[in-house]
Structure formats: structure tokens, C-alpha cells
Amino acid sequence: MTDLFTAVAIALFIEGVAYALFPQGMKKAMLHMLAQPVSVLRLTGLTVALTGVLLVWLIRG
């Protein structure tokens, strides 16, 4: 369970740094995401999630 909380904390850190260092770029990215169809966002989210699971499996394997 500690690993899960550590992973969430790292994800929050990375996202926070992105907003702090590149606020204008993050706003542009949000506008780009809003323009995408739901199916594209769903497929992208699923792909990223599966990639994350695969990476954890490979690292921990």
C-alpha cells in the first residue's frame, strides 16, 4: 500500500511542477483536450493506464 501512495505522491509532484513551470503550456493542453472527442480521451487514458501497469510489472518483475 505504501508503494501506491508513493506513486500517487510522485504523480502529484510531476503534475504540480508542470503547472508551476509551464502554466501557459498547460492551459493550451487543456484547451486541446477539451476539443478532442470523448472516444479519443478514453482510448488515450486506457493506453496510458495499461502502459503504467506494464511498466510496474516490468520494474517489479
N, C-alpha and C. Protein backbone atom coordinates (compact mmCIF):
# COMPACT_ATOMS: atom_id res chain seq x y z
N MET A 1 0.82 -1.19 0.00
CA MET A 1 0.00 0.00 0.00
C MET A 1 0.86 1.25 0.00
N THR A 2 2.04 1.15 0.64
CA THR A 2 2.95 2.28 0.67
C THR A 2 3.41 2.63 -0.75
N ASP A 3 3.63 1.63 -1.58
CA ASP A 3 4.03 1.88 -2.96
C ASP A 3 2.97 2.66 -3.72
N LEU A 4 1.71 2.34 -3.50
CA LEU A 4 0.62 3.04 -4.17
C LEU A 4 0.61 4.51 -3.77
N PHE A 5 0.73 4.78 -2.48
CA PHE A 5 0.74 6.17 -2.01
C PHE A 5 1.95 6.92 -2.52
N THR A 6 3.08 6.23 -2.60
CA THR A 6 4.29 6.85 -3.15
C THR A 6 4.09 7.20 -4.62
N ALA A 7 3.49 6.30 -5.37
CA ALA A 7 3.24 6.55 -6.80
C ALA A 7 2.29 7.73 -6.98
N VAL A 8 1.24 7.81 -6.18
CA VAL A 8 0.30 8.93 -6.27
C VAL A 8 1.01 10.24 -5.92
N ALA A 9 1.84 10.21 -4.89
CA ALA A 9 2.58 11.41 -4.50
C ALA A 9 3.52 11.87 -5.61
N ILE A 10 4.19 10.94 -6.26
CA ILE A 10 5.09 11.29 -7.36
C ILE A 10 4.29 11.87 -8.53
N ALA A 11 3.15 11.28 -8.84
CA ALA A 11 2.30 11.80 -9.93
C ALA A 11 1.84 13.22 -9.61
N LEU A 12 1.44 13.47 -8.38
CA LEU A 12 1.02 14.82 -7.98
C LEU A 12 2.18 15.80 -8.09
N PHE A 13 3.36 15.37 -7.68
CA PHE A 13 4.54 16.22 -7.77
C PHE A 13 4.83 16.60 -9.23
N ILE A 14 4.84 15.61 -10.10
CA ILE A 14 5.14 15.86 -11.52
C ILE A 14 4.11 16.79 -12.13
N GLU A 15 2.84 16.57 -11.82
CA GLU A 15 1.80 17.44 -12.37
C GLU A 15 1.92 18.85 -11.81
N GLY A 16 2.21 18.96 -10.53
CA GLY A 16 2.38 20.28 -9.92
C GLY A 16 3.54 21.04 -10.53
N VAL A 17 4.64 20.36 -10.77
CA VAL A 17 5.81 21.00 -11.38
C VAL A 17 5.47 21.47 -12.79
N ALA A 18 4.73 20.65 -13.53
CA ALA A 18 4.35 21.04 -14.89
C ALA A 18 3.53 22.33 -14.89
N TYR A 19 2.58 22.44 -13.97
CA TYR A 19 1.77 23.66 -13.87
C TYR A 19 2.60 24.85 -13.40
N ALA A 20 3.54 24.61 -12.50
CA ALA A 20 4.37 25.70 -11.98
C ALA A 20 5.34 26.23 -13.03
N LEU A 21 5.94 25.31 -13.80
CA LEU A 21 6.95 25.72 -14.77
C LEU A 21 6.37 26.14 -16.12
N PHE A 22 5.26 25.54 -16.51
CA PHE A 22 4.69 25.78 -17.84
C PHE A 22 3.19 26.08 -17.77
N PRO A 23 2.78 27.11 -17.04
CA PRO A 23 1.33 27.35 -16.89
C PRO A 23 0.63 27.64 -18.22
N GLN A 24 1.29 28.38 -19.10
CA GLN A 24 0.65 28.69 -20.38
C GLN A 24 0.54 27.43 -21.24
N GLY A 25 1.55 26.62 -21.23
CA GLY A 25 1.50 25.37 -21.99
C GLY A 25 0.44 24.42 -21.47
N MET A 26 0.27 24.39 -20.15
CA MET A 26 -0.76 23.52 -19.56
C MET A 26 -2.16 24.01 -19.94
N LYS A 27 -2.34 25.33 -20.00
CA LYS A 27 -3.63 25.87 -20.42
C LYS A 27 -3.93 25.49 -21.87
N LYS A 28 -2.89 25.57 -22.71
CA LYS A 28 -3.07 25.18 -24.11
C LYS A 28 -3.40 23.69 -24.22
N ALA A 29 -2.73 22.88 -23.41
CA ALA A 29 -3.00 21.45 -23.42
C ALA A 29 -4.44 21.16 -23.00
N MET A 30 -4.92 21.88 -21.99
CA MET A 30 -6.31 21.70 -21.54
C MET A 30 -7.30 22.06 -22.65
N LEU A 31 -7.03 23.17 -23.33
CA LEU A 31 -7.92 23.56 -24.44
C LEU A 31 -7.90 22.51 -25.54
N HIS A 32 -6.73 21.96 -25.81
CA HIS A 32 -6.62 20.91 -26.82
C HIS A 32 -7.41 19.67 -26.40
N MET A 33 -7.32 19.32 -25.12
CA MET A 33 -8.07 18.16 -24.62
C MET A 33 -9.57 18.38 -24.72
N LEU A 34 -10.02 19.60 -24.42
CA LEU A 34 -11.46 19.89 -24.50
C LEU A 34 -11.98 19.75 -25.93
N ALA A 35 -11.11 19.97 -26.90
CA ALA A 35 -11.52 19.88 -28.30
C ALA A 35 -11.57 18.45 -28.81
N GLN A 36 -11.02 17.50 -28.06
CA GLN A 36 -10.96 16.11 -28.50
C GLN A 36 -12.28 15.39 -28.22
N PRO A 37 -12.65 14.47 -29.09
CA PRO A 37 -13.84 13.66 -28.82
C PRO A 37 -13.61 12.77 -27.60
N VAL A 38 -14.68 12.42 -26.93
CA VAL A 38 -14.61 11.59 -25.73
C VAL A 38 -13.93 10.26 -26.03
N SER A 39 -14.19 9.70 -27.19
CA SER A 39 -13.60 8.40 -27.53
C SER A 39 -12.08 8.48 -27.59
N VAL A 40 -11.53 9.57 -28.07
CA VAL A 40 -10.07 9.74 -28.14
C VAL A 40 -9.50 9.85 -26.73
N LEU A 41 -10.16 10.62 -25.87
CA LEU A 41 -9.70 10.76 -24.48
C LEU A 41 -9.76 9.42 -23.75
N ARG A 42 -10.83 8.67 -23.99
CA ARG A 42 -10.99 7.37 -23.34
C ARG A 42 -9.90 6.40 -23.80
N LEU A 43 -9.64 6.36 -25.09
CA LEU A 43 -8.60 5.47 -25.62
C LEU A 43 -7.22 5.88 -25.12
N THR A 44 -6.95 7.18 -25.08
CA THR A 44 -5.67 7.67 -24.57
C THR A 44 -5.50 7.31 -23.11
N GLY A 45 -6.54 7.52 -22.32
CA GLY A 45 -6.48 7.18 -20.89
C GLY A 45 -6.24 5.70 -20.67
N LEU A 46 -6.92 4.87 -21.42
CA LEU A 46 -6.76 3.42 -21.31
C LEU A 46 -5.34 3.01 -21.71
N THR A 47 -4.82 3.60 -22.77
CA THR A 47 -3.47 3.29 -23.23
C THR A 47 -2.43 3.68 -22.19
N VAL A 48 -2.58 4.86 -21.62
CA VAL A 48 -1.64 5.32 -20.60
C VAL A 48 -1.72 4.44 -19.35
N ALA A 49 -2.94 4.09 -18.95
CA ALA A 49 -3.11 3.23 -17.77
C ALA A 49 -2.47 1.87 -17.98
N LEU A 50 -2.70 1.27 -19.14
CA LEU A 50 -2.11 -0.04 -19.43
C LEU A 50 -0.59 0.04 -19.53
N THR A 51 -0.08 1.13 -20.08
CA THR A 51 1.36 1.32 -20.13
C THR A 51 1.94 1.41 -18.73
N GLY A 52 1.25 2.12 -17.85
CA GLY A 52 1.70 2.22 -16.46
C GLY A 52 1.72 0.87 -15.77
N VAL A 53 0.69 0.08 -15.98
CA VAL A 53 0.64 -1.26 -15.38
C VAL A 53 1.77 -2.12 -15.93
N LEU A 54 2.00 -2.04 -17.22
CA LEU A 54 3.08 -2.81 -17.83
C LEU A 54 4.44 -2.40 -17.27
N LEU A 55 4.66 -1.11 -17.12
CA LEU A 55 5.93 -0.63 -16.57
C LEU A 55 6.14 -1.10 -15.14
N VAL A 56 5.10 -1.02 -14.33
CA VAL A 56 5.20 -1.51 -12.96
C VAL A 56 5.50 -3.00 -12.95
N TRP A 57 4.84 -3.75 -13.80
CA TRP A 57 5.06 -5.20 -13.88
C TRP A 57 6.51 -5.50 -14.28
N LEU A 58 7.03 -4.75 -15.26
CA LEU A 58 8.40 -4.96 -15.71
C LEU A 58 9.42 -4.57 -14.63
N ILE A 59 9.18 -3.46 -13.96
CA ILE A 59 10.09 -2.98 -12.93
C ILE A 59 10.09 -3.91 -11.72
N ARG A 60 8.90 -4.35 -11.32
CA ARG A 60 8.76 -5.18 -10.12
C ARG A 60 9.03 -6.65 -10.40
N GLY A 61 8.98 -7.03 -11.70
CA GLY A 61 9.05 -8.42 -12.10
C GLY A 61 10.29 -9.10 -11.66
